[in-house]
PDB file of N, CA and C in Angstrom:
ATOM      1  N   MET A   1     -66.355 -84.363 121.023  1.00  0.00           N
ATOM      2  CA  MET A   1     -66.044 -84.380 122.439  1.00  0.00           C
ATOM      3  C   MET A   1     -67.280 -83.977 123.233  1.00  0.00           C
ATOM      4  N   GLU A   2     -67.620 -84.775 124.200  1.00  0.00           N
ATOM      5  CA  GLU A   2     -68.801 -84.530 125.020  1.00  0.00           C
ATOM      6  C   GLU A   2     -68.479 -83.540 126.138  1.00  0.00           C
ATOM      7  N   PHE A   3     -69.391 -82.594 126.351  1.00  0.00           N
ATOM      8  CA  PHE A   3     -69.205 -81.604 127.408  1.00  0.00           C
ATOM      9  C   PHE A   3     -69.597 -82.207 128.745  1.00  0.00           C
ATOM     10  N   LYS A   4     -68.745 -82.074 129.738  1.00  0.00           N
ATOM     11  CA  LYS A   4     -69.039 -82.534 131.089  1.00  0.00           C
ATOM     12  C   LYS A   4     -69.091 -81.324 132.005  1.00  0.00           C
ATOM     13  N   ASP A   5     -70.121 -81.240 132.791  1.00  0.00           N
ATOM     14  CA  ASP A   5     -70.207 -80.179 133.790  1.00  0.00           C
ATOM     15  C   ASP A   5     -69.503 -80.689 135.046  1.00  0.00           C
ATOM     16  N   TYR A   6     -68.228 -80.344 135.174  1.00  0.00           N
ATOM     17  CA  TYR A   6     -67.428 -80.857 136.282  1.00  0.00           C
ATOM     18  C   TYR A   6     -67.927 -80.360 137.642  1.00  0.00           C
ATOM     19  N   TYR A   7     -68.564 -79.219 137.656  1.00  0.00           N
ATOM     20  CA  TYR A   7     -69.128 -78.720 138.900  1.00  0.00           C
ATOM     21  C   TYR A   7     -70.256 -79.638 139.374  1.00  0.00           C
ATOM     22  N   ALA A   8     -71.097 -80.076 138.442  1.00  0.00           N
ATOM     23  CA  ALA A   8     -72.195 -80.990 138.777  1.00  0.00           C
ATOM     24  C   ALA A   8     -71.646 -82.363 139.184  1.00  0.00           C
ATOM     25  N   VAL A   9     -70.569 -82.794 138.538  1.00  0.00           N
ATOM     26  CA  VAL A   9     -69.963 -84.086 138.872  1.00  0.00           C
ATOM     27  C   VAL A   9     -69.547 -84.106 140.338  1.00  0.00           C
ATOM     28  N   LEU A  10     -68.947 -82.999 140.796  1.00  0.00           N
ATOM     29  CA  LEU A  10     -68.508 -82.923 142.191  1.00  0.00           C
ATOM     30  C   LEU A  10     -69.602 -82.404 143.123  1.00  0.00           C
ATOM     31  N   GLY A  11     -70.699 -81.922 142.547  1.00  0.00           N
ATOM     32  CA  GLY A  11     -71.798 -81.426 143.371  1.00  0.00           C
ATOM     33  C   GLY A  11     -71.497 -80.111 144.054  1.00  0.00           C
ATOM     34  N   VAL A  12     -70.761 -79.237 143.384  1.00  0.00           N
ATOM     35  CA  VAL A  12     -70.430 -77.922 143.944  1.00  0.00           C
ATOM     36  C   VAL A  12     -70.941 -76.825 143.010  1.00  0.00           C
ATOM     37  N   ALA A  13     -71.060 -75.621 143.553  1.00  0.00           N
ATOM     38  CA  ALA A  13     -71.484 -74.473 142.756  1.00  0.00           C
ATOM     39  C   ALA A  13     -70.335 -73.996 141.877  1.00  0.00           C
ATOM     40  N   LYS A  14     -70.668 -73.279 140.831  1.00  0.00           N
ATOM     41  CA  LYS A  14     -69.638 -72.740 139.929  1.00  0.00           C
ATOM     42  C   LYS A  14     -68.779 -71.685 140.626  1.00  0.00           C
ATOM     43  N   THR A  15     -69.256 -71.176 141.747  1.00  0.00           N
ATOM     44  CA  THR A  15     -68.508 -70.182 142.515  1.00  0.00           C
ATOM     45  C   THR A  15     -67.745 -70.819 143.675  1.00  0.00           C
ATOM     46  N   ALA A  16     -67.657 -72.135 143.693  1.00  0.00           N
ATOM     47  CA  ALA A  16     -66.996 -72.848 144.791  1.00  0.00           C
ATOM     48  C   ALA A  16     -65.517 -72.487 144.887  1.00  0.00           C
ATOM     49  N   THR A  17     -65.033 -72.443 146.112  1.00  0.00           N
ATOM     50  CA  THR A  17     -63.619 -72.157 146.342  1.00  0.00           C
ATOM     51  C   THR A  17     -62.805 -73.435 146.132  1.00  0.00           C
ATOM     52  N   GLU A  18     -61.492 -73.276 146.068  1.00  0.00           N
ATOM     53  CA  GLU A  18     -60.620 -74.440 145.919  1.00  0.00           C
ATOM     54  C   GLU A  18     -60.803 -75.408 147.082  1.00  0.00           C
ATOM     55  N   LYS A  19     -60.997 -74.856 148.266  1.00  0.00           N
ATOM     56  CA  LYS A  19     -61.182 -75.683 149.463  1.00  0.00           C
ATOM     57  C   LYS A  19     -62.468 -76.510 149.358  1.00  0.00           C
ATOM     58  N   GLU A  20     -63.554 -75.893 148.894  1.00  0.00           N
ATOM     59  CA  GLU A  20     -64.827 -76.607 148.745  1.00  0.00           C
ATOM     60  C   GLU A  20     -64.723 -77.706 147.690  1.00  0.00           C
ATOM     61  N   ILE A  21     -64.012 -77.419 146.619  1.00  0.00           N
ATOM     62  CA  ILE A  21     -63.817 -78.420 145.558  1.00  0.00           C
ATOM     63  C   ILE A  21     -63.017 -79.602 146.095  1.00  0.00           C
ATOM     64  N   LYS A  22     -61.970 -79.299 146.832  1.00  0.00           N
ATOM     65  CA  LYS A  22     -61.120 -80.346 147.404  1.00  0.00           C
ATOM     66  C   LYS A  22     -61.898 -81.223 148.383  1.00  0.00           C
ATOM     67  N   GLN A  23     -62.724 -80.580 149.234  1.00  0.00           N
ATOM     68  CA  GLN A  23     -63.525 -81.325 150.202  1.00  0.00           C
ATOM     69  C   GLN A  23     -64.540 -82.226 149.510  1.00  0.00           C
ATOM     70  N   ALA A  24     -65.213 -81.692 148.493  1.00  0.00           N
ATOM     71  CA  ALA A  24     -66.213 -82.478 147.770  1.00  0.00           C
ATOM     72  C   ALA A  24     -65.552 -83.669 147.074  1.00  0.00           C
ATOM     73  N   PHE A  25     -64.393 -83.432 146.454  1.00  0.00           N
ATOM     74  CA  PHE A  25     -63.693 -84.515 145.768  1.00  0.00           C
ATOM     75  C   PHE A  25     -63.285 -85.606 146.750  1.00  0.00           C
ATOM     76  N   ARG A  26     -62.698 -85.225 147.856  1.00  0.00           N
ATOM     77  CA  ARG A  26     -62.228 -86.225 148.823  1.00  0.00           C
ATOM     78  C   ARG A  26     -63.378 -87.063 149.383  1.00  0.00           C
ATOM     79  N   LYS A  27     -64.490 -86.399 149.668  1.00  0.00           N
ATOM     80  CA  LYS A  27     -65.654 -87.103 150.214  1.00  0.00           C
ATOM     81  C   LYS A  27     -66.181 -88.132 149.208  1.00  0.00           C
ATOM     82  N   LEU A  28     -66.347 -87.700 147.954  1.00  0.00           N
ATOM     83  CA  LEU A  28     -66.877 -88.603 146.929  1.00  0.00           C
ATOM     84  C   LEU A  28     -65.855 -89.657 146.503  1.00  0.00           C
ATOM     85  N   ALA A  29     -64.577 -89.289 146.486  1.00  0.00           N
ATOM     86  CA  ALA A  29     -63.530 -90.242 146.101  1.00  0.00           C
ATOM     87  C   ALA A  29     -63.447 -91.382 147.111  1.00  0.00           C
ATOM     88  N   ARG A  30     -63.581 -91.056 148.397  1.00  0.00           N
ATOM     89  CA  ARG A  30     -63.578 -92.097 149.429  1.00  0.00           C
ATOM     90  C   ARG A  30     -64.737 -93.068 149.216  1.00  0.00           C
ATOM     91  N   LYS A  31     -65.897 -92.519 148.874  1.00  0.00           N
ATOM     92  CA  LYS A  31     -67.107 -93.331 148.708  1.00  0.00           C
ATOM     93  C   LYS A  31     -67.019 -94.244 147.480  1.00  0.00           C
ATOM     94  N   HIS A  32     -66.433 -93.758 146.388  1.00  0.00           N
ATOM     95  CA  HIS A  32     -66.426 -94.505 145.124  1.00  0.00           C
ATOM     96  C   HIS A  32     -65.078 -95.113 144.765  1.00  0.00           C
ATOM     97  N   HIS A  33     -64.122 -95.101 145.671  1.00  0.00           N
ATOM     98  CA  HIS A  33     -62.785 -95.616 145.374  1.00  0.00           C
ATOM     99  C   HIS A  33     -62.848 -97.113 145.068  1.00  0.00           C
ATOM    100  N   PRO A  34     -62.110 -97.564 144.039  1.00  0.00           N
ATOM    101  CA  PRO A  34     -62.136 -98.985 143.661  1.00  0.00           C
ATOM    102  C   PRO A  34     -61.676 -99.926 144.771  1.00  0.00           C
ATOM    103  N   ASP A  35     -60.803 -99.466 145.660  1.00  0.00           N
ATOM    104  CA  ASP A  35     -60.362-100.330 146.760  1.00  0.00           C
ATOM    105  C   ASP A  35     -61.471-100.543 147.792  1.00  0.00           C
ATOM    106  N   VAL A  36     -62.367 -99.589 147.919  1.00  0.00           N
ATOM    107  CA  VAL A  36     -63.495 -99.707 148.847  1.00  0.00           C
ATOM    108  C   VAL A  36     -64.611-100.536 148.207  1.00  0.00           C
ATOM    109  N   ASN A  37     -64.713-100.488 146.876  1.00  0.00           N
ATOM    110  CA  ASN A  37     -65.744-101.203 146.121  1.00  0.00           C
ATOM    111  C   ASN A  37     -65.106-102.146 145.104  1.00  0.00           C
ATOM    112  N   PRO A  38     -64.436-103.194 145.562  1.00  0.00           N
ATOM    113  CA  PRO A  38     -63.762-104.081 144.615  1.00  0.00           C
ATOM    114  C   PRO A  38     -64.762-104.788 143.690  1.00  0.00           C
ATOM    115  N   GLY A  39     -64.446-104.774 142.395  1.00  0.00           N
ATOM    116  CA  GLY A  39     -65.289-105.448 141.414  1.00  0.00           C
ATOM    117  C   GLY A  39     -66.499-104.655 140.950  1.00  0.00           C
ATOM    118  N   ASP A  40     -66.736-103.486 141.516  1.00  0.00           N
ATOM    119  CA  ASP A  40     -67.884-102.656 141.126  1.00  0.00           C
ATOM    120  C   ASP A  40     -67.457-101.713 140.003  1.00  0.00           C
ATOM    121  N   LYS A  41     -67.845-102.052 138.777  1.00  0.00           N
ATOM    122  CA  LYS A  41     -67.441-101.261 137.606  1.00  0.00           C
ATOM    123  C   LYS A  41     -68.075 -99.867 137.616  1.00  0.00           C
ATOM    124  N   ALA A  42     -69.275 -99.734 138.150  1.00  0.00           N
ATOM    125  CA  ALA A  42     -69.942 -98.428 138.208  1.00  0.00           C
ATOM    126  C   ALA A  42     -69.189 -97.488 139.143  1.00  0.00           C
ATOM    127  N   ALA A  43     -68.743 -98.014 140.277  1.00  0.00           N
ATOM    128  CA  ALA A  43     -67.984 -97.193 141.227  1.00  0.00           C
ATOM    129  C   ALA A  43     -66.638 -96.803 140.624  1.00  0.00           C
ATOM    130  N   GLU A  44     -66.019 -97.724 139.905  1.00  0.00           N
ATOM    131  CA  GLU A  44     -64.732 -97.440 139.265  1.00  0.00           C
ATOM    132  C   GLU A  44     -64.883 -96.341 138.208  1.00  0.00           C
ATOM    133  N   SER A  45     -65.937 -96.431 137.412  1.00  0.00           N
ATOM    134  CA  SER A  45     -66.173 -95.420 136.385  1.00  0.00           C
ATOM    135  C   SER A  45     -66.490 -94.062 137.016  1.00  0.00           C
ATOM    136  N   ARG A  46     -67.275 -94.064 138.092  1.00  0.00           N
ATOM    137  CA  ARG A  46     -67.602 -92.824 138.803  1.00  0.00           C
ATOM    138  C   ARG A  46     -66.333 -92.208 139.408  1.00  0.00           C
ATOM    139  N   PHE A  47     -65.447 -93.039 139.938  1.00  0.00           N
ATOM    140  CA  PHE A  47     -64.195 -92.551 140.517  1.00  0.00           C
ATOM    141  C   PHE A  47     -63.329 -91.880 139.452  1.00  0.00           C
ATOM    142  N   LYS A  48     -63.278 -92.467 138.255  1.00  0.00           N
ATOM    143  CA  LYS A  48     -62.504 -91.874 137.160  1.00  0.00           C
ATOM    144  C   LYS A  48     -63.105 -90.528 136.757  1.00  0.00           C
ATOM    145  N   GLU A  49     -64.420 -90.444 136.743  1.00  0.00           N
ATOM    146  CA  GLU A  49     -65.103 -89.195 136.408  1.00  0.00           C
ATOM    147  C   GLU A  49     -64.803 -88.121 137.459  1.00  0.00           C
ATOM    148  N   LEU A  50     -64.830 -88.512 138.732  1.00  0.00           N
ATOM    149  CA  LEU A  50     -64.512 -87.584 139.824  1.00  0.00           C
ATOM    150  C   LEU A  50     -63.071 -87.098 139.730  1.00  0.00           C
ATOM    151  N   THR A  51     -62.162 -88.008 139.410  1.00  0.00           N
ATOM    152  CA  THR A  51     -60.750 -87.658 139.299  1.00  0.00           C
ATOM    153  C   THR A  51     -60.524 -86.660 138.161  1.00  0.00           C
ATOM    154  N   ALA A  52     -61.196 -86.881 137.036  1.00  0.00           N
ATOM    155  CA  ALA A  52     -61.069 -85.955 135.903  1.00  0.00           C
ATOM    156  C   ALA A  52     -61.614 -84.573 136.273  1.00  0.00           C
ATOM    157  N   ALA A  53     -62.753 -84.544 136.955  1.00  0.00           N
ATOM    158  CA  ALA A  53     -63.346 -83.267 137.375  1.00  0.00           C
ATOM    159  C   ALA A  53     -62.421 -82.534 138.332  1.00  0.00           C
ATOM    160  N   ASN A  54     -61.840 -83.263 139.267  1.00  0.00           N
ATOM    161  CA  ASN A  54     -60.931 -82.639 140.226  1.00  0.00           C
ATOM    162  C   ASN A  54     -59.673 -82.120 139.538  1.00  0.00           C
ATOM    163  N   GLU A  55     -59.180 -82.872 138.569  1.00  0.00           N
ATOM    164  CA  GLU A  55     -57.978 -82.447 137.838  1.00  0.00           C
ATOM    165  C   GLU A  55     -58.210 -81.111 137.130  1.00  0.00           C
ATOM    166  N   VAL A  56     -59.374 -80.948 136.538  1.00  0.00           N
ATOM    167  CA  VAL A  56     -59.686 -79.714 135.815  1.00  0.00           C
ATOM    168  C   VAL A  56     -59.960 -78.568 136.784  1.00  0.00           C
ATOM    169  N   LEU A  57     -60.798 -78.811 137.785  1.00  0.00           N
ATOM    170  CA  LEU A  57     -61.222 -77.719 138.667  1.00  0.00           C
ATOM    171  C   LEU A  57     -60.166 -77.305 139.687  1.00  0.00           C
ATOM    172  N   SER A  58     -59.206 -78.159 139.965  1.00  0.00           N
ATOM    173  CA  SER A  58     -58.169 -77.785 140.927  1.00  0.00           C
ATOM    174  C   SER A  58     -57.049 -76.973 140.282  1.00  0.00           C
ATOM    175  N   ASP A  59     -57.000 -76.947 138.950  1.00  0.00           N
ATOM    176  CA  ASP A  59     -56.004 -76.163 138.222  1.00  0.00           C
ATOM    177  C   ASP A  59     -56.668 -74.867 137.749  1.00  0.00           C
ATOM    178  N   PRO A  60     -56.236 -73.701 138.275  1.00  0.00           N
ATOM    179  CA  PRO A  60     -56.895 -72.435 137.920  1.00  0.00           C
ATOM    180  C   PRO A  60     -56.951 -72.154 136.416  1.00  0.00           C
ATOM    181  N   ALA A  61     -55.921 -72.514 135.667  1.00  0.00           N
ATOM    182  CA  ALA A  61     -55.920 -72.258 134.224  1.00  0.00           C
ATOM    183  C   ALA A  61     -56.961 -73.119 133.513  1.00  0.00           C
ATOM    184  N   LYS A  62     -57.043 -74.389 133.881  1.00  0.00           N
ATOM    185  CA  LYS A  62     -58.032 -75.277 133.274  1.00  0.00           C
ATOM    186  C   LYS A  62     -59.443 -74.906 133.722  1.00  0.00           C
ATOM    187  N   ARG A  63     -59.564 -74.490 134.979  1.00  0.00           N
ATOM    188  CA  ARG A  63     -60.877 -74.143 135.520  1.00  0.00           C
ATOM    189  C   ARG A  63     -61.466 -72.935 134.783  1.00  0.00           C
ATOM    190  N   ARG A  64     -60.634 -71.945 134.453  1.00  0.00           N
ATOM    191  CA  ARG A  64     -61.103 -70.762 133.740  1.00  0.00           C
ATOM    192  C   ARG A  64     -61.745 -71.139 132.410  1.00  0.00           C
ATOM    193  N   LYS A  65     -61.226 -72.169 131.784  1.00  0.00           N
ATOM    194  CA  LYS A  65     -61.739 -72.595 130.481  1.00  0.00           C
ATOM    195  C   LYS A  65     -63.116 -73.245 130.581  1.00  0.00           C
ATOM    196  N   THR A  66     -63.506 -73.719 131.761  1.00  0.00           N
ATOM    197  CA  THR A  66     -64.804 -74.372 131.913  1.00  0.00           C
ATOM    198  C   THR A  66     -65.936 -73.379 132.110  1.00  0.00           C
ATOM    199  N   LEU A  67     -65.605 -72.156 132.488  1.00  0.00           N
ATOM    200  CA  LEU A  67     -66.647 -71.160 132.715  1.00  0.00           C
ATOM    201  C   LEU A  67     -67.045 -70.515 131.397  1.00  0.00           C
ATOM    202  N   PRO A  68     -68.331 -70.379 131.133  1.00  0.00           N
ATOM    203  CA  PRO A  68     -68.747 -69.778 129.864  1.00  0.00           C
ATOM    204  C   PRO A  68     -68.269 -68.340 129.740  1.00  0.00           C
ATOM    205  N   GLY A  69     -67.776 -68.007 128.559  1.00  0.00           N
ATOM    206  CA  GLY A  69     -67.332 -66.645 128.305  1.00  0.00           C
ATOM    207  C   GLY A  69     -65.921 -66.357 128.750  1.00  0.00           C
ATOM    208  N   ARG A  70     -65.247 -67.330 129.284  1.00  0.00           N
ATOM    209  CA  ARG A  70     -63.885 -67.102 129.746  1.00  0.00           C
ATOM    210  C   ARG A  70     -62.922 -67.924 128.912  1.00  0.00           C
ATOM    211  N   ASN A  71     -62.075 -67.263 128.174  1.00  0.00           N
ATOM    212  CA  ASN A  71     -61.030 -67.903 127.377  1.00  0.00           C
ATOM    213  C   ASN A  71     -61.554 -68.944 126.391  1.00  0.00           C
ATOM    214  N   SER A  72     -62.778 -68.779 125.941  1.00  0.00           N
ATOM    215  CA  SER A  72     -63.261 -69.685 124.904  1.00  0.00           C
ATOM    216  C   SER A  72     -63.687 -68.851 123.713  1.00  0.00           C
ATOM    217  N   THR A  73     -63.475 -69.366 122.539  1.00  0.00           N
ATOM    218  CA  THR A  73     -63.765 -68.586 121.345  1.00  0.00           C
ATOM    219  C   THR A  73     -65.251 -68.515 121.060  1.00  0.00           C
ATOM    220  N   GLU A  74     -66.012 -69.553 121.396  1.00  0.00           N
ATOM    221  CA  GLU A  74     -67.417 -69.520 121.044  1.00  0.00           C
ATOM    222  C   GLU A  74     -68.279 -68.742 122.030  1.00  0.00           C
ATOM    223  N   ASN A  75     -67.859 -68.627 123.280  1.00  0.00           N
ATOM    224  CA  ASN A  75     -68.677 -67.960 124.286  1.00  0.00           C
ATOM    225  C   ASN A  75     -67.986 -66.758 124.909  1.00  0.00           C
ATOM    226  N   SER A  76     -67.186 -66.060 124.158  1.00  0.00           N
ATOM    227  CA  SER A  76     -66.442 -64.971 124.765  1.00  0.00           C
ATOM    228  C   SER A  76     -67.287 -63.700 124.857  1.00  0.00           C
ATOM    229  N   TYR A  77     -67.067 -62.989 125.930  1.00  0.00           N
ATOM    230  CA  TYR A  77     -67.742 -61.707 126.091  1.00  0.00           C
ATOM    231  C   TYR A  77     -67.045 -60.684 125.213  1.00  0.00           C
ATOM    232  N   ARG A  78     -67.805 -59.810 124.632  1.00  0.00           N
ATOM    233  CA  ARG A  78     -67.216 -58.762 123.802  1.00  0.00           C
ATOM    234  C   ARG A  78     -67.160 -57.483 124.620  1.00  0.00           C
ATOM    235  N   VAL A  79     -66.037 -56.821 124.546  1.00  0.00           N
ATOM    236  CA  VAL A  79     -65.835 -55.588 125.288  1.00  0.00           C
ATOM    237  C   VAL A  79     -65.922 -54.422 124.312  1.00  0.00           C
ATOM    238  N   ALA A  80     -66.742 -53.453 124.680  1.00  0.00           N
ATOM    239  CA  ALA A  80     -66.887 -52.273 123.816  1.00  0.00           C
ATOM    240  C   ALA A  80     -65.605 -51.452 123.880  1.00  0.00           C
ATOM    241  N   PRO A  81     -65.220 -50.845 122.775  1.00  0.00           N
ATOM    242  CA  PRO A  81     -64.018 -50.012 122.796  1.00  0.00           C
ATOM    243  C   PRO A  81     -64.246 -48.793 123.681  1.00  0.00           C
ATOM    244  N   TYR A  82     -63.184 -48.310 124.250  1.00  0.00           N
ATOM    245  CA  TYR A  82     -63.269 -47.142 125.117  1.00  0.00           C
ATOM    246  C   TYR A  82     -63.508 -45.898 124.274  1.00  0.00           C
ATOM    247  N   ILE A  83     -64.506 -45.129 124.681  1.00  0.00           N
ATOM    248  CA  ILE A  83     -64.803 -43.868 123.997  1.00  0.00           C
ATOM    249  C   ILE A  83     -64.641 -42.753 125.019  1.00  0.00           C
ATOM    250  N   SER A  84     -63.774 -41.842 124.723  1.00  0.00           N
ATOM    251  CA  SER A  84     -63.496 -40.753 125.643  1.00  0.00           C
ATOM    252  C   SER A  84     -64.705 -39.823 125.772  1.00  0.00           C
ATOM    253  N   PRO A  85     -65.050 -39.408 126.995  1.00  0.00           N
ATOM    254  CA  PRO A  85     -66.166 -38.483 127.192  1.00  0.00           C
ATOM    255  C   PRO A  85     -65.907 -37.118 126.529  1.00  0.00           C
ATOM    256  N   ARG A  86     -64.652 -36.803 126.251  1.00  0.00           N
ATOM    257  CA  ARG A  86     -64.338 -35.522 125.620  1.00  0.00           C
ATOM    258  C   ARG A  86     -64.929 -35.405 124.210  1.00  0.00           C
ATOM    259  N   LEU A  87     -65.198 -36.541 123.589  1.00  0.00           N
ATOM    260  CA  LEU A  87     -65.774 -36.504 122.242  1.00  0.00           C
ATOM    261  C   LEU A  87     -67.193 -35.942 122.245  1.00  0.00           C
ATOM    262  N   PHE A  88     -67.868 -36.007 123.389  1.00  0.00           N
ATOM    263  CA  PHE A  88     -69.261 -35.589 123.463  1.00  0.00           C
ATOM    264  C   PHE A  88     -69.416 -34.154 123.963  1.00  0.00           C
ATOM    265  N   ARG A  89     -68.335 -33.507 124.285  1.00  0.00           N
ATOM    266  CA  ARG A  89     -68.395 -32.112 124.734  1.00  0.00           C
ATOM    267  C   ARG A  89     -68.548 -31.189 123.535  1.00  0.00           C
ATOM    268  N   SER A  90     -69.291 -30.122 123.728  1.00  0.00           N
ATOM    269  CA  SER A  90     -69.446 -29.155 122.622  1.00  0.00           C
ATOM    270  C   SER A  90     -68.426 -28.051 122.713  1.00  0.00           C
TER     271      SER A  90
END
């Protein structure tokens, strides 16, 4: 499975809000929609790519999985166990 950077597809930052993602998708979807570009296979393929990116980034659960270190087994952050400060008192 090929990794797609959905943020780059929509041209937004990884810290983009839902509103910014929605605006970017709508702007690009209008430009590359197959009804606006009949017979243009490149525009059709780009529209499908935009739709997939929007589907992932507009769903908070799916979006969390795209960020490195969040809910993924290969890039997860490790949390140190809690050590009570009382152990270091004499």
